[in-house]
Amino acid sequence: PAGLGVWAQAGVTTVRDLGQRPGSYSFSRRDRMRADPKNAWLLAAGPLVTVPGGYPIAGNNFPSLTVDSPDDARAKVGELIRSGADVVKITLVSGSIPSLSPDETRAIVETAQAAGVPVSVHATHYREFALAVDAGVDDIAHMAVDYVPDELMQKMIEQGTCWVPTLEALRGGGDNLGRFAALGGCVALGNDGGFLAGLEVGMPLEEMRAMLAVGMSPMQVIVAATRDAARVCRVES
């Protein structure tokens, strides 16, 4: 990703790249970027994992790694991890677009976690959050645009599921996030910068301001940007 030096100069030590086109990116390139001390430390997922015709192939015309069964998911995610993925990013969507089934989602999570690799999921609706939490994902990227009940939030907290809300990318929302933070949930700072136009590359102050605007305290925002972001990135120590 462009701007790793800009991130570092702004004081951001670690950046997660949660999706590149298959064939356009190699983990050896990530390793070369890590060798430059002027760059922020890069964690890379490689291609997003979805189903044929699923998001972001549909909607964003963004090529991704597709699976068509639990066994296929285990095989392809296993190979992705062996090739060097630091994290696996999957997508779950509601409506008419095809999406990963519960069995496929669980197969991916089990395969990744058995190898010590976390799973992050793109989700923007309660139904997708519920499926992701049932499957045991490690963190959820983006804000839910509909109501997330306290019961599901409590389950997220019990399982240690973190939330990376990307409020700036979604241009608003956040009522769910304020409630989740008040319950003591793990919130990690991330803004989708570097891919979507107009998002900050460098210190993500707009994302921090958005967190404050939905009711998080200044200390909660600091914790989200430090301890809990490190937890999501698996760089606590």
Protein backbone atom coordinates (compact mmCIF):
# COMPACT_ATOMS: atom_id res chain seq x y z
CA PRO A 1 0.00 0.00 0.00
CA ALA A 2 1.11 3.52 -0.75
CA GLY A 3 1.90 5.83 2.08
CA LEU A 4 3.61 3.56 4.60
CA GLY A 5 6.23 6.24 5.12
CA VAL A 6 3.48 8.83 5.64
CA TRP A 7 1.84 6.63 8.25
CA ALA A 8 5.14 6.23 10.09
CA GLN A 9 5.96 9.94 10.00
CA ALA A 10 2.55 10.67 11.53
CA GLY A 11 3.25 8.30 14.42
CA VAL A 12 1.30 5.24 13.22
CA THR A 13 3.55 2.24 13.77
CA THR A 14 1.45 -0.57 12.24
CA VAL A 15 -0.89 -0.79 9.25
CA ARG A 16 -3.15 -3.70 8.26
CA ASP A 17 -3.76 -4.16 4.54
CA LEU A 18 -7.05 -6.08 4.42
CA GLY A 19 -7.38 -6.72 0.72
CA GLN A 20 -5.50 -6.79 -2.56
CA ARG A 21 -6.40 -8.22 -5.95
CA PRO A 22 -5.20 -11.81 -6.49
CA GLY A 23 -2.01 -11.78 -8.49
CA SER A 24 -1.34 -8.08 -7.88
CA TYR A 25 0.39 -8.55 -4.57
CA SER A 26 2.92 -10.90 -3.07
CA PHE A 27 3.93 -11.34 0.53
CA SER A 28 7.54 -10.97 -0.55
CA ARG A 29 6.65 -7.37 -1.46
CA ARG A 30 5.33 -6.91 2.08
CA ASP A 31 8.61 -8.27 3.41
CA ARG A 32 10.59 -5.79 1.33
CA MET A 33 8.48 -2.94 2.70
CA ARG A 34 9.09 -4.15 6.25
CA ALA A 35 12.83 -3.98 5.66
CA ASP A 36 12.66 -0.19 5.31
CA PRO A 37 12.68 1.35 8.82
CA LYS A 38 11.02 4.49 7.43
CA ASN A 39 7.84 2.52 6.75
CA ALA A 40 5.09 1.62 9.19
CA TRP A 41 5.06 -2.13 9.92
CA LEU A 42 2.78 -3.81 7.39
CA LEU A 43 0.41 -6.71 8.05
CA ALA A 44 -1.16 -8.18 4.92
CA ALA A 45 -4.20 -10.32 4.21
CA GLY A 46 -3.62 -10.76 0.49
CA PRO A 47 -6.89 -11.26 -1.41
CA LEU A 48 -10.28 -11.04 0.29
CA VAL A 49 -12.14 -14.34 0.59
CA THR A 50 -15.69 -14.52 -0.76
CA VAL A 51 -17.86 -16.67 -3.04
CA PRO A 52 -18.29 -16.51 -6.84
CA GLY A 53 -20.29 -13.38 -7.59
CA GLY A 54 -19.99 -12.19 -3.99
CA TYR A 55 -18.82 -8.89 -2.55
CA PRO A 56 -16.48 -7.16 -3.46
CA ILE A 57 -16.50 -8.84 -6.88
CA ALA A 58 -20.10 -7.70 -7.17
CA GLY A 59 -20.59 -4.06 -6.32
CA ASN A 60 -16.94 -2.97 -6.42
CA ASN A 61 -15.68 -5.03 -9.37
CA PHE A 62 -12.77 -6.01 -7.13
CA PRO A 63 -11.32 -9.48 -7.92
CA SER A 64 -11.05 -11.73 -4.87
CA LEU A 65 -10.32 -15.30 -3.78
CA THR A 66 -13.51 -17.35 -4.18
CA VAL A 67 -14.57 -20.56 -2.43
CA ASP A 68 -17.57 -22.74 -3.20
CA SER A 69 -17.76 -25.23 -0.32
CA PRO A 70 -16.39 -25.75 3.20
CA ASP A 71 -13.73 -28.12 1.89
CA ASP A 72 -12.73 -25.66 -0.83
CA ALA A 73 -12.58 -22.92 1.80
CA ARG A 74 -10.27 -25.00 4.01
CA ALA A 75 -7.96 -25.80 1.11
CA LYS A 76 -7.70 -22.29 -0.31
CA VAL A 77 -7.43 -20.50 3.02
CA GLY A 78 -4.81 -23.01 4.12
CA GLU A 79 -2.78 -22.23 1.02
CA LEU A 80 -3.23 -18.49 1.57
CA ILE A 81 -1.85 -18.83 5.07
CA ARG A 82 1.05 -20.99 3.93
CA SER A 83 1.92 -18.32 1.37
CA GLY A 84 2.32 -15.82 4.21
CA ALA A 85 -0.98 -14.12 5.12
CA ASP A 86 -0.87 -12.32 8.47
CA VAL A 87 -4.66 -12.18 8.65
CA VAL A 88 -7.56 -13.60 6.63
CA LYS A 89 -10.24 -11.13 5.49
CA ILE A 90 -13.66 -12.50 4.56
CA THR A 91 -16.81 -10.74 3.40
CA LEU A 92 -20.39 -11.30 4.55
CA VAL A 93 -23.32 -9.49 2.94
CA SER A 94 -27.10 -9.62 3.16
CA GLY A 95 -29.63 -9.38 0.37
CA SER A 96 -29.47 -10.67 -3.19
CA ILE A 97 -25.66 -10.86 -3.56
CA PRO A 98 -24.21 -14.35 -2.91
CA SER A 99 -22.30 -14.66 0.37
CA LEU A 100 -20.38 -17.20 2.41
CA SER A 101 -22.59 -19.79 4.08
CA PRO A 102 -22.38 -20.44 7.83
CA ASP A 103 -20.53 -23.71 7.15
CA GLU A 104 -18.04 -22.03 4.80
CA THR A 105 -17.49 -19.22 7.29
CA ARG A 106 -16.83 -21.64 10.14
CA ALA A 107 -14.47 -23.68 7.94
CA ILE A 108 -12.42 -20.56 7.20
CA VAL A 109 -12.30 -19.49 10.84
CA GLU A 110 -11.33 -22.97 12.06
CA THR A 111 -8.59 -23.29 9.43
CA ALA A 112 -7.10 -19.87 10.12
CA GLN A 113 -7.27 -20.03 13.89
CA ALA A 114 -5.73 -23.50 13.93
CA ALA A 115 -2.74 -21.92 12.19
CA GLY A 116 -2.67 -19.01 14.64
CA VAL A 117 -3.95 -16.51 12.07
CA PRO A 118 -6.84 -14.15 12.93
CA VAL A 119 -9.92 -13.65 10.79
CA SER A 120 -11.38 -10.22 10.06
CA VAL A 121 -14.78 -9.87 8.41
CA HIS A 122 -16.42 -7.19 6.30
CA ALA A 123 -19.96 -6.78 7.69
CA THR A 124 -22.40 -3.88 7.73
CA HIS A 125 -25.69 -5.39 8.98
CA TYR A 126 -26.84 -7.13 12.15
CA ARG A 127 -27.52 -10.41 10.34
CA GLU A 128 -23.92 -10.50 9.12
CA PHE A 129 -22.60 -9.62 12.57
CA ALA A 130 -24.57 -12.49 14.08
CA LEU A 131 -23.20 -14.99 11.54
CA ALA A 132 -19.65 -13.70 12.06
CA VAL A 133 -19.87 -13.96 15.84
CA ASP A 134 -21.41 -17.43 15.66
CA ALA A 135 -18.46 -18.50 13.50
CA GLY A 136 -15.96 -17.10 16.01
CA VAL A 137 -14.23 -14.40 13.93
CA ASP A 138 -11.58 -12.31 15.65
CA ASP A 139 -12.69 -8.85 14.56
CA ILE A 140 -15.43 -7.16 12.56
CA ALA A 141 -14.60 -4.34 10.18
CA HIS A 142 -17.11 -1.54 9.55
CA MET A 143 -20.19 -0.18 11.25
CA ALA A 144 -23.54 -1.96 11.38
CA VAL A 145 -26.08 0.32 9.71
CA ASP A 146 -29.00 -1.32 11.52
CA TYR A 147 -29.59 -2.04 15.20
CA VAL A 148 -27.30 -4.55 16.95
CA PRO A 149 -28.96 -5.90 20.13
CA ASP A 150 -27.14 -5.80 23.46
CA GLU A 151 -27.31 -9.61 23.58
CA LEU A 152 -25.09 -9.92 20.51
CA MET A 153 -22.73 -7.26 21.83
CA GLN A 154 -22.40 -9.20 25.07
CA LYS A 155 -21.58 -12.32 23.08
CA MET A 156 -18.90 -10.38 21.19
CA ILE A 157 -17.42 -9.28 24.50
CA GLU A 158 -17.51 -12.80 25.96
CA GLN A 159 -15.75 -14.20 22.88
CA GLY A 160 -13.24 -11.36 22.67
CA THR A 161 -14.49 -10.20 19.27
CA CYS A 162 -13.15 -6.73 18.51
CA TRP A 163 -14.87 -4.05 16.45
CA VAL A 164 -13.02 -1.86 13.92
CA PRO A 165 -15.86 0.53 13.04
CA THR A 166 -14.35 2.69 10.22
CA LEU A 167 -16.83 5.48 10.94
CA GLU A 168 -15.11 7.91 8.59
CA ALA A 169 -15.39 5.50 5.65
CA LEU A 170 -19.12 5.06 6.22
CA ARG A 171 -19.62 8.81 6.61
CA GLY A 172 -21.63 8.63 9.81
CA GLY A 173 -23.53 6.25 12.03
CA GLY A 174 -22.17 4.89 15.25
CA ASP A 175 -25.05 4.55 17.70
CA ASN A 176 -24.22 0.85 18.00
CA LEU A 177 -20.57 1.67 18.64
CA GLY A 178 -21.33 4.01 21.51
CA ARG A 179 -23.38 1.30 23.21
CA PHE A 180 -20.72 -1.34 22.58
CA ALA A 181 -18.00 0.83 24.08
CA ALA A 182 -20.18 1.59 27.10
CA LEU A 183 -20.60 -2.15 27.67
CA GLY A 184 -16.81 -2.54 27.73
CA GLY A 185 -16.33 -3.99 24.25
CA CYS A 186 -12.99 -4.08 22.44
CA VAL A 187 -12.88 -1.27 19.87
CA ALA A 188 -9.84 -0.87 17.62
CA LEU A 189 -8.96 2.17 15.54
CA GLY A 190 -8.99 1.75 11.76
CA ASN A 191 -10.29 4.00 8.99
CA ASP A 192 -9.95 2.10 5.67
CA GLY A 193 -7.41 4.74 4.61
CA GLY A 194 -5.25 4.02 1.59
CA PHE A 195 -7.96 2.51 -0.60
CA LEU A 196 -11.10 4.63 -0.48
CA ALA A 197 -10.61 8.15 -1.79
CA GLY A 198 -10.65 10.98 0.71
CA LEU A 199 -9.72 9.00 3.83
CA GLU A 200 -6.75 10.09 5.90
CA VAL A 201 -3.38 8.48 5.30
CA GLY A 202 -1.37 9.28 8.40
CA MET A 203 -2.69 9.93 11.90
CA PRO A 204 -6.47 9.18 11.56
CA LEU A 205 -7.76 12.20 13.45
CA GLU A 206 -11.13 12.25 11.66
CA GLU A 207 -11.81 8.69 12.78
CA MET A 208 -10.90 9.63 16.34
CA ARG A 209 -13.24 12.63 16.22
CA ALA A 210 -16.01 10.39 14.91
CA MET A 211 -15.47 8.00 17.83
CA LEU A 212 -15.78 10.89 20.26
CA ALA A 213 -18.94 12.07 18.51
CA VAL A 214 -20.73 8.76 19.14
CA GLY A 215 -19.99 8.83 22.86
CA MET A 216 -16.61 7.21 23.35
CA SER A 217 -14.49 8.97 25.96
CA PRO A 218 -11.06 10.42 25.10
CA MET A 219 -9.44 7.59 27.07
CA GLN A 220 -11.50 4.96 25.23
CA VAL A 221 -10.31 6.42 21.92
CA ILE A 222 -6.69 6.33 23.12
CA VAL A 223 -7.09 2.68 24.17
CA ALA A 224 -8.69 1.87 20.78
CA ALA A 225 -5.73 3.45 18.99
CA THR A 226 -3.09 1.72 21.09
CA ARG A 227 -3.80 -1.36 23.24
CA ASP A 228 -6.81 -2.70 21.38
CA ALA A 229 -5.43 -1.92 17.92
CA ALA A 230 -2.29 -3.82 18.91
CA ARG A 231 -4.49 -6.69 20.13
CA VAL A 232 -6.29 -6.88 16.77
CA CYS A 233 -2.95 -6.79 14.92
CA ARG A 234 -1.43 -9.40 17.25
CA VAL A 235 1.47 -7.10 18.16
CA GLU A 236 0.75 -6.56 21.84
CA SER A 237 4.34 -7.27 22.90
